[in-house]
């Protein structure tokens, strides 16, 4: 899960290129969701929708960017706790 935390850090710091390059190394469902979020930040909604589909997440009914980042962070913390 360390990669996903680093990607989140890059996004929060405005380093889209670094976030995108790094997220491509994670093949998990959470990674696919975060990859989609990275594309939302970029403004590439077509690729974002593709990655949401890979993560089995609803794209059209997603929340705001802040909602999505908060939800992902909660799920990431839950996964780390074994839950």
N, C-alpha and C. Protein backbone atom coordinates (compact mmCIF):
# COMPACT_ATOMS: atom_id res chain seq x y z
N UNK A 1 0.81 -1.20 0.00
CA UNK A 1 0.00 0.00 0.00
C UNK A 1 0.85 1.27 0.00
N UNK A 2 2.14 1.12 0.18
CA UNK A 2 3.01 2.29 0.21
C UNK A 2 2.97 3.11 -1.06
N UNK A 3 2.86 2.44 -2.20
CA UNK A 3 2.79 3.15 -3.49
C UNK A 3 1.57 4.07 -3.51
N UNK A 4 0.44 3.57 -3.05
CA UNK A 4 -0.78 4.37 -3.09
C UNK A 4 -0.67 5.60 -2.20
N UNK A 5 -0.04 5.45 -1.04
CA UNK A 5 0.17 6.61 -0.17
C UNK A 5 1.07 7.64 -0.86
N UNK A 6 2.10 7.17 -1.53
CA UNK A 6 3.00 8.08 -2.22
C UNK A 6 2.28 8.79 -3.36
N UNK A 7 1.44 8.06 -4.08
CA UNK A 7 0.66 8.69 -5.16
C UNK A 7 -0.24 9.78 -4.58
N UNK A 8 -0.90 9.48 -3.46
CA UNK A 8 -1.74 10.49 -2.82
C UNK A 8 -0.93 11.71 -2.42
N UNK A 9 0.27 11.48 -1.88
CA UNK A 9 1.14 12.59 -1.51
C UNK A 9 1.47 13.45 -2.73
N UNK A 10 1.80 12.79 -3.85
CA UNK A 10 2.09 13.54 -5.09
C UNK A 10 0.88 14.36 -5.53
N UNK A 11 -0.31 13.75 -5.49
CA UNK A 11 -1.51 14.49 -5.90
C UNK A 11 -1.75 15.70 -5.01
N UNK A 12 -1.63 15.52 -3.69
CA UNK A 12 -1.86 16.63 -2.77
C UNK A 12 -0.84 17.74 -2.96
N UNK A 13 0.35 17.39 -3.46
CA UNK A 13 1.40 18.39 -3.69
C UNK A 13 1.34 18.97 -5.11
N UNK A 14 0.37 18.51 -5.92
CA UNK A 14 0.24 19.04 -7.27
C UNK A 14 1.19 18.42 -8.28
N UNK A 15 1.75 17.26 -7.95
CA UNK A 15 2.71 16.60 -8.84
C UNK A 15 1.99 15.51 -9.64
N UNK A 16 1.18 15.94 -10.62
CA UNK A 16 0.37 15.01 -11.39
C UNK A 16 1.23 14.00 -12.14
N UNK A 17 2.29 14.44 -12.81
CA UNK A 17 3.12 13.54 -13.61
C UNK A 17 3.72 12.44 -12.74
N UNK A 18 4.25 12.80 -11.59
CA UNK A 18 4.82 11.81 -10.68
C UNK A 18 3.75 10.84 -10.19
N UNK A 19 2.57 11.39 -9.85
CA UNK A 19 1.46 10.54 -9.40
C UNK A 19 1.07 9.56 -10.49
N UNK A 20 0.96 10.04 -11.71
CA UNK A 20 0.55 9.18 -12.83
C UNK A 20 1.60 8.12 -13.13
N UNK A 21 2.85 8.52 -13.16
CA UNK A 21 3.92 7.54 -13.43
C UNK A 21 3.94 6.44 -12.39
N UNK A 22 3.76 6.79 -11.14
CA UNK A 22 3.85 5.81 -10.05
C UNK A 22 2.61 4.92 -9.98
N UNK A 23 1.43 5.47 -10.21
CA UNK A 23 0.22 4.66 -10.07
C UNK A 23 0.18 3.55 -11.11
N UNK A 24 0.88 3.73 -12.20
CA UNK A 24 0.90 2.70 -13.24
C UNK A 24 1.61 1.43 -12.78
N UNK A 25 2.28 1.47 -11.63
CA UNK A 25 2.98 0.29 -11.12
C UNK A 25 2.12 -0.54 -10.19
N UNK A 26 0.89 -0.10 -9.90
CA UNK A 26 0.02 -0.79 -8.95
C UNK A 26 -1.16 -1.39 -9.70
N UNK A 27 -1.34 -2.70 -9.60
CA UNK A 27 -2.41 -3.40 -10.34
C UNK A 27 -3.61 -3.74 -9.47
N UNK A 28 -3.67 -3.22 -8.25
CA UNK A 28 -4.78 -3.54 -7.35
C UNK A 28 -6.04 -2.75 -7.74
N UNK A 29 -7.17 -3.16 -7.18
CA UNK A 29 -8.42 -2.44 -7.41
C UNK A 29 -8.34 -1.02 -6.85
N UNK A 30 -7.74 -0.88 -5.68
CA UNK A 30 -7.57 0.48 -5.13
C UNK A 30 -6.65 1.30 -6.02
N UNK A 31 -5.64 0.65 -6.59
CA UNK A 31 -4.76 1.33 -7.52
C UNK A 31 -5.48 1.79 -8.77
N UNK A 32 -6.38 0.96 -9.29
CA UNK A 32 -7.16 1.34 -10.48
C UNK A 32 -8.06 2.53 -10.15
N UNK A 33 -8.68 2.51 -8.97
CA UNK A 33 -9.52 3.62 -8.55
C UNK A 33 -8.69 4.91 -8.44
N UNK A 34 -7.53 4.80 -7.80
CA UNK A 34 -6.67 5.98 -7.67
C UNK A 34 -6.17 6.44 -9.03
N UNK A 35 -5.92 5.50 -9.93
CA UNK A 35 -5.51 5.86 -11.29
C UNK A 35 -6.62 6.69 -11.94
N UNK A 36 -7.86 6.27 -11.74
CA UNK A 36 -8.98 7.05 -12.25
C UNK A 36 -9.04 8.44 -11.65
N UNK A 37 -8.80 8.54 -10.36
CA UNK A 37 -8.81 9.84 -9.69
C UNK A 37 -7.70 10.72 -10.26
N UNK A 38 -6.54 10.13 -10.50
CA UNK A 38 -5.43 10.89 -11.10
C UNK A 38 -5.88 11.50 -12.43
N UNK A 39 -6.59 10.71 -13.23
CA UNK A 39 -7.07 11.23 -14.52
C UNK A 39 -8.15 12.28 -14.36
N UNK A 40 -8.95 12.20 -13.30
CA UNK A 40 -9.91 13.27 -13.02
C UNK A 40 -9.16 14.57 -12.74
N UNK A 41 -8.11 14.48 -11.94
CA UNK A 41 -7.31 15.66 -11.63
C UNK A 41 -6.77 16.26 -12.92
N UNK A 42 -6.35 15.40 -13.84
CA UNK A 42 -5.79 15.86 -15.11
C UNK A 42 -6.88 16.45 -16.01
N UNK A 43 -8.13 16.04 -15.81
CA UNK A 43 -9.20 16.48 -16.68
C UNK A 43 -9.50 15.51 -17.80
N UNK A 44 -8.90 14.32 -17.76
CA UNK A 44 -9.10 13.29 -18.78
C UNK A 44 -10.18 12.33 -18.28
N UNK A 45 -11.44 12.73 -18.47
CA UNK A 45 -12.54 11.95 -17.92
C UNK A 45 -12.75 10.63 -18.64
N UNK A 46 -12.38 10.53 -19.91
CA UNK A 46 -12.51 9.27 -20.63
C UNK A 46 -11.61 8.20 -20.02
N UNK A 47 -10.35 8.54 -19.79
CA UNK A 47 -9.45 7.58 -19.13
C UNK A 47 -9.86 7.34 -17.68
N UNK A 48 -10.34 8.38 -17.02
CA UNK A 48 -10.80 8.21 -15.63
C UNK A 48 -11.92 7.18 -15.58
N UNK A 49 -12.87 7.28 -16.49
CA UNK A 49 -13.98 6.32 -16.50
C UNK A 49 -13.48 4.90 -16.76
N UNK A 50 -12.50 4.75 -17.65
CA UNK A 50 -11.91 3.43 -17.90
C UNK A 50 -11.35 2.84 -16.61
N UNK A 51 -10.59 3.63 -15.85
CA UNK A 51 -9.96 3.13 -14.63
C UNK A 51 -10.98 2.87 -13.52
N UNK A 52 -12.02 3.67 -13.46
CA UNK A 52 -13.09 3.39 -12.50
C UNK A 52 -13.74 2.05 -12.82
N UNK A 53 -13.94 1.78 -14.11
CA UNK A 53 -14.51 0.49 -14.52
C UNK A 53 -13.59 -0.64 -14.10
N UNK A 54 -12.28 -0.48 -14.28
CA UNK A 54 -11.32 -1.50 -13.86
C UNK A 54 -11.39 -1.74 -12.36
N UNK A 55 -11.70 -0.70 -11.61
CA UNK A 55 -11.79 -0.80 -10.15
C UNK A 55 -13.18 -1.23 -9.69
N UNK A 56 -14.09 -1.42 -10.64
CA UNK A 56 -15.48 -1.77 -10.32
C UNK A 56 -16.13 -0.71 -9.43
N UNK A 57 -15.88 0.55 -9.78
CA UNK A 57 -16.42 1.70 -9.04
C UNK A 57 -17.36 2.47 -9.95
N UNK A 58 -18.42 3.05 -9.41
CA UNK A 58 -19.31 3.87 -10.24
C UNK A 58 -18.64 5.18 -10.63
N UNK A 59 -18.61 5.46 -11.91
CA UNK A 59 -17.98 6.70 -12.36
C UNK A 59 -18.99 7.83 -12.45
N UNK A 60 -20.11 7.55 -13.06
CA UNK A 60 -21.11 8.60 -13.31
C UNK A 60 -21.72 9.15 -12.03
N UNK A 61 -21.76 8.33 -11.00
CA UNK A 61 -22.37 8.78 -9.73
C UNK A 61 -21.32 9.02 -8.65
N UNK A 62 -20.08 9.22 -9.07
CA UNK A 62 -19.01 9.46 -8.09
C UNK A 62 -19.24 10.78 -7.38
N UNK A 63 -18.53 10.97 -6.30
CA UNK A 63 -18.62 12.24 -5.57
C UNK A 63 -17.67 13.27 -6.16
N UNK A 64 -17.50 14.34 -5.43
CA UNK A 64 -16.54 15.36 -5.84
C UNK A 64 -15.13 14.79 -5.74
N UNK A 65 -14.17 15.49 -6.28
CA UNK A 65 -12.78 15.04 -6.18
C UNK A 65 -12.39 14.86 -4.71
N UNK A 66 -12.76 15.80 -3.87
CA UNK A 66 -12.45 15.70 -2.44
C UNK A 66 -13.13 14.48 -1.83
N UNK A 67 -14.40 14.23 -2.20
CA UNK A 67 -15.11 13.05 -1.71
C UNK A 67 -14.37 11.77 -2.11
N UNK A 68 -13.96 11.72 -3.36
CA UNK A 68 -13.29 10.52 -3.86
C UNK A 68 -11.96 10.29 -3.15
N UNK A 69 -11.19 11.36 -2.98
CA UNK A 69 -9.90 11.23 -2.29
C UNK A 69 -10.11 10.81 -0.83
N UNK A 70 -11.10 11.38 -0.17
CA UNK A 70 -11.38 11.01 1.22
C UNK A 70 -11.84 9.55 1.32
N UNK A 71 -12.72 9.13 0.41
CA UNK A 71 -13.21 7.75 0.41
C UNK A 71 -12.08 6.77 0.16
N UNK A 72 -11.22 7.10 -0.80
CA UNK A 72 -10.09 6.22 -1.10
C UNK A 72 -9.16 6.13 0.10
N UNK A 73 -8.88 7.25 0.74
CA UNK A 73 -8.00 7.25 1.91
C UNK A 73 -8.59 6.37 3.03
N UNK A 74 -9.91 6.45 3.24
CA UNK A 74 -10.56 5.62 4.25
C UNK A 74 -10.43 4.14 3.90
N UNK A 75 -10.69 3.78 2.64
CA UNK A 75 -10.58 2.38 2.24
C UNK A 75 -9.13 1.89 2.32
N UNK A 76 -8.19 2.75 2.00
CA UNK A 76 -6.79 2.39 2.11
C UNK A 76 -6.42 2.14 3.56
N UNK A 77 -6.87 2.99 4.46
CA UNK A 77 -6.60 2.79 5.89
C UNK A 77 -7.26 1.52 6.39
N UNK A 78 -8.47 1.26 5.94
CA UNK A 78 -9.18 0.05 6.33
C UNK A 78 -8.46 -1.19 5.84
N UNK A 79 -7.96 -1.15 4.62
CA UNK A 79 -7.21 -2.29 4.07
C UNK A 79 -5.94 -2.55 4.86
N UNK A 80 -5.30 -1.49 5.30
CA UNK A 80 -4.08 -1.63 6.10
C UNK A 80 -4.37 -2.24 7.46
N UNK A 81 -5.54 -1.92 7.99
CA UNK A 81 -5.93 -2.44 9.31
C UNK A 81 -6.45 -3.86 9.21
N UNK A 82 -6.52 -4.38 7.99
CA UNK A 82 -6.98 -5.75 7.79
C UNK A 82 -8.48 -5.88 7.69
N UNK A 83 -9.15 -4.74 7.57
CA UNK A 83 -10.59 -4.78 7.59
C UNK A 83 -11.23 -4.78 6.28
